[in-house]
Structures are given as C-alpha cells and as structure tokens.
N, C-alpha and C. Protein backbone atom coordinates (compact mmCIF):
# COMPACT_ATOMS: atom_id res chain seq x y z
N MET A 1 0.22 6.40 12.16
CA MET A 1 1.44 5.62 12.00
C MET A 1 1.17 4.28 11.33
N LYS A 2 0.04 3.70 11.62
CA LYS A 2 -0.28 2.41 11.02
C LYS A 2 -0.40 2.51 9.50
N ARG A 3 -0.89 3.65 9.02
CA ARG A 3 -1.00 3.85 7.57
C ARG A 3 0.38 3.86 6.93
N ILE A 4 1.32 4.51 7.58
CA ILE A 4 2.70 4.55 7.06
C ILE A 4 3.30 3.16 7.06
N ALA A 5 3.10 2.41 8.14
CA ALA A 5 3.63 1.04 8.21
C ALA A 5 3.02 0.19 7.10
N ARG A 6 1.75 0.38 6.81
CA ARG A 6 1.09 -0.38 5.75
C ARG A 6 1.69 -0.03 4.39
N ILE A 7 1.93 1.25 4.15
CA ILE A 7 2.54 1.68 2.89
C ILE A 7 3.92 1.07 2.74
N LEU A 8 4.71 1.08 3.80
CA LEU A 8 6.05 0.48 3.74
C LEU A 8 5.97 -1.02 3.47
N TYR A 9 4.98 -1.68 4.07
CA TYR A 9 4.79 -3.10 3.84
C TYR A 9 4.47 -3.38 2.38
N VAL A 10 3.59 -2.59 1.79
CA VAL A 10 3.23 -2.76 0.38
C VAL A 10 4.46 -2.55 -0.50
N MET A 11 5.24 -1.53 -0.19
CA MET A 11 6.45 -1.26 -0.97
C MET A 11 7.48 -2.38 -0.82
N ALA A 12 7.60 -2.93 0.37
CA ALA A 12 8.52 -4.04 0.59
C ALA A 12 8.09 -5.27 -0.20
N ARG A 13 6.79 -5.52 -0.27
CA ARG A 13 6.31 -6.64 -1.08
C ARG A 13 6.64 -6.43 -2.54
N GLU A 14 6.53 -5.19 -3.01
CA GLU A 14 6.88 -4.87 -4.39
C GLU A 14 8.36 -5.20 -4.64
N LEU A 15 9.21 -4.80 -3.73
CA LEU A 15 10.64 -5.10 -3.88
C LEU A 15 10.89 -6.61 -3.85
N ASP A 16 10.19 -7.29 -2.98
CA ASP A 16 10.37 -8.74 -2.85
C ASP A 16 10.07 -9.47 -4.16
N ARG A 17 9.06 -9.01 -4.88
CA ARG A 17 8.70 -9.64 -6.16
C ARG A 17 9.83 -9.57 -7.18
N HIS A 18 10.71 -8.61 -7.02
CA HIS A 18 11.77 -8.40 -8.00
C HIS A 18 13.12 -8.97 -7.58
N TYR A 19 13.22 -9.48 -6.37
CA TYR A 19 14.52 -9.91 -5.85
C TYR A 19 15.17 -11.00 -6.70
N VAL A 20 14.54 -12.13 -6.84
CA VAL A 20 15.14 -13.24 -7.58
C VAL A 20 15.17 -12.99 -9.09
N PRO A 21 14.06 -12.62 -9.70
CA PRO A 21 14.07 -12.47 -11.16
C PRO A 21 15.05 -11.44 -11.70
N SER A 22 15.30 -10.40 -10.94
CA SER A 22 16.20 -9.36 -11.45
C SER A 22 17.67 -9.76 -11.35
N ARG A 23 17.96 -10.79 -10.60
CA ARG A 23 19.36 -11.20 -10.38
C ARG A 23 19.77 -12.47 -11.12
N TYR A 24 18.81 -13.31 -11.38
CA TYR A 24 19.14 -14.60 -11.97
C TYR A 24 18.48 -14.76 -13.33
N PRO A 25 19.28 -14.80 -14.38
CA PRO A 25 18.73 -14.89 -15.74
C PRO A 25 17.82 -16.09 -15.96
N ASN A 26 18.04 -17.17 -15.25
CA ASN A 26 17.21 -18.36 -15.45
C ASN A 26 15.94 -18.36 -14.60
N ALA A 27 15.62 -17.23 -13.98
CA ALA A 27 14.41 -17.15 -13.17
C ALA A 27 13.15 -17.08 -14.04
N PHE A 28 13.31 -16.72 -15.31
CA PHE A 28 12.18 -16.62 -16.22
C PHE A 28 12.13 -17.85 -17.11
N GLU A 29 10.93 -18.23 -17.51
CA GLU A 29 10.79 -19.38 -18.40
C GLU A 29 11.48 -19.13 -19.73
N SER A 30 11.43 -17.90 -20.19
CA SER A 30 12.12 -17.56 -21.43
C SER A 30 12.62 -16.13 -21.34
N GLY A 31 13.65 -15.83 -22.08
CA GLY A 31 14.19 -14.49 -22.09
C GLY A 31 15.15 -14.22 -20.94
N TYR A 32 15.41 -12.97 -20.71
CA TYR A 32 16.36 -12.55 -19.68
C TYR A 32 15.76 -11.34 -18.95
N PRO A 33 16.27 -11.00 -17.78
CA PRO A 33 15.66 -9.93 -16.99
C PRO A 33 15.43 -8.62 -17.75
N GLY A 34 16.34 -8.24 -18.63
CA GLY A 34 16.19 -7.00 -19.37
C GLY A 34 14.94 -6.96 -20.24
N MET A 35 14.41 -8.12 -20.59
CA MET A 35 13.18 -8.17 -21.39
C MET A 35 11.94 -7.86 -20.56
N TYR A 36 12.06 -7.99 -19.25
CA TYR A 36 10.91 -7.85 -18.38
C TYR A 36 10.91 -6.55 -17.58
N TYR A 37 11.99 -5.82 -17.64
CA TYR A 37 12.11 -4.59 -16.87
C TYR A 37 12.25 -3.40 -17.80
N ASP A 38 11.46 -2.37 -17.51
CA ASP A 38 11.54 -1.14 -18.28
C ASP A 38 11.77 0.02 -17.30
N GLU A 39 11.93 1.21 -17.84
CA GLU A 39 12.24 2.35 -16.99
C GLU A 39 11.15 2.65 -15.96
N PRO A 40 9.87 2.63 -16.33
CA PRO A 40 8.84 2.90 -15.31
C PRO A 40 8.87 1.88 -14.16
N THR A 41 9.10 0.62 -14.47
CA THR A 41 9.17 -0.40 -13.42
C THR A 41 10.37 -0.14 -12.53
N ALA A 42 11.52 0.10 -13.13
CA ALA A 42 12.74 0.35 -12.36
C ALA A 42 12.59 1.59 -11.49
N THR A 43 12.00 2.63 -12.04
CA THR A 43 11.80 3.87 -11.28
C THR A 43 10.89 3.63 -10.09
N ARG A 44 9.81 2.89 -10.30
CA ARG A 44 8.87 2.59 -9.21
C ARG A 44 9.54 1.79 -8.10
N VAL A 45 10.33 0.80 -8.48
CA VAL A 45 10.98 -0.06 -7.49
C VAL A 45 12.07 0.72 -6.73
N ILE A 46 12.82 1.54 -7.44
CA ILE A 46 13.83 2.37 -6.78
C ILE A 46 13.18 3.32 -5.79
N ARG A 47 12.08 3.92 -6.18
CA ARG A 47 11.36 4.84 -5.29
C ARG A 47 10.86 4.09 -4.05
N SER A 48 10.37 2.88 -4.23
CA SER A 48 9.93 2.08 -3.08
C SER A 48 11.08 1.86 -2.11
N ALA A 49 12.25 1.53 -2.64
CA ALA A 49 13.42 1.31 -1.79
C ALA A 49 13.80 2.58 -1.04
N GLU A 50 13.75 3.71 -1.72
CA GLU A 50 14.09 4.99 -1.08
C GLU A 50 13.12 5.31 0.05
N VAL A 51 11.85 5.07 -0.17
CA VAL A 51 10.84 5.34 0.86
C VAL A 51 11.05 4.43 2.07
N ILE A 52 11.36 3.18 1.83
CA ILE A 52 11.61 2.23 2.92
C ILE A 52 12.83 2.66 3.73
N VAL A 53 13.91 3.01 3.05
CA VAL A 53 15.13 3.44 3.75
C VAL A 53 14.84 4.69 4.58
N GLU A 54 14.11 5.63 4.03
CA GLU A 54 13.77 6.85 4.79
C GLU A 54 12.88 6.50 5.98
N GLY A 55 11.95 5.59 5.81
CA GLY A 55 11.10 5.15 6.92
C GLY A 55 11.91 4.53 8.05
N VAL A 56 12.91 3.75 7.70
CA VAL A 56 13.79 3.15 8.71
C VAL A 56 14.60 4.23 9.41
N ARG A 57 15.10 5.20 8.65
CA ARG A 57 15.86 6.31 9.26
C ARG A 57 15.01 7.07 10.28
N VAL A 58 13.77 7.34 9.91
CA VAL A 58 12.86 8.06 10.81
C VAL A 58 12.63 7.25 12.08
N LYS A 59 12.36 5.97 11.91
CA LYS A 59 12.11 5.09 13.06
C LYS A 59 13.33 5.02 13.98
N LEU A 60 14.52 4.88 13.38
CA LEU A 60 15.74 4.83 14.18
C LEU A 60 15.96 6.14 14.94
N ALA A 61 15.69 7.26 14.27
CA ALA A 61 15.84 8.56 14.92
C ALA A 61 14.91 8.68 16.13
N LYS A 62 13.68 8.19 15.98
CA LYS A 62 12.72 8.23 17.09
C LYS A 62 13.20 7.37 18.27
N LEU A 63 13.97 6.33 17.95
CA LEU A 63 14.50 5.45 19.00
C LEU A 63 15.83 5.96 19.55
N GLY A 64 16.30 7.08 18.98
CA GLY A 64 17.56 7.65 19.45
C GLY A 64 18.80 7.02 18.85
N VAL A 65 18.62 6.27 17.75
CA VAL A 65 19.74 5.61 17.09
C VAL A 65 20.15 6.44 15.89
N LYS A 66 21.44 6.72 15.80
CA LYS A 66 21.95 7.46 14.65
C LYS A 66 22.54 6.48 13.64
N PRO A 67 22.08 6.55 12.39
CA PRO A 67 22.60 5.61 11.39
C PRO A 67 24.04 5.90 11.01
C-alpha cells in the first residue's frame, strides 16, 4: 500500500506543478500557456489526475463511503 501512496504523491506533485501556469497567462516570463503545453504533457497530466481520482475512490470504498 505504501508504494501506491507514493505513486499517488508523485502524481499529485506533477499536477501541482501545472496548477498556476496552466491557468494564468502571466505565470510565464514570456509567451502564453499554449506555448508550453503539448499533447504528451497534457495526456500525462490527465492520466495522473485519473489515477488519483481512482485511488481516492478505492480508499473511500474501503472506508465504506460511497462517492
């Protein structure tokens, strides 16, 4: 279980890196968010979010909580 928690933590850190820059055009010294994001990056970040959500669902189910 600790390995899974570590993986979720790494994925959450990945998402955290993208929170501000992807939403605020002035977060970059030059350019705009579209210049810094490509399909592989977006796909990786979306997959991280999906894995985290599924991990939370599993944990809630183990606790007897229905989402």
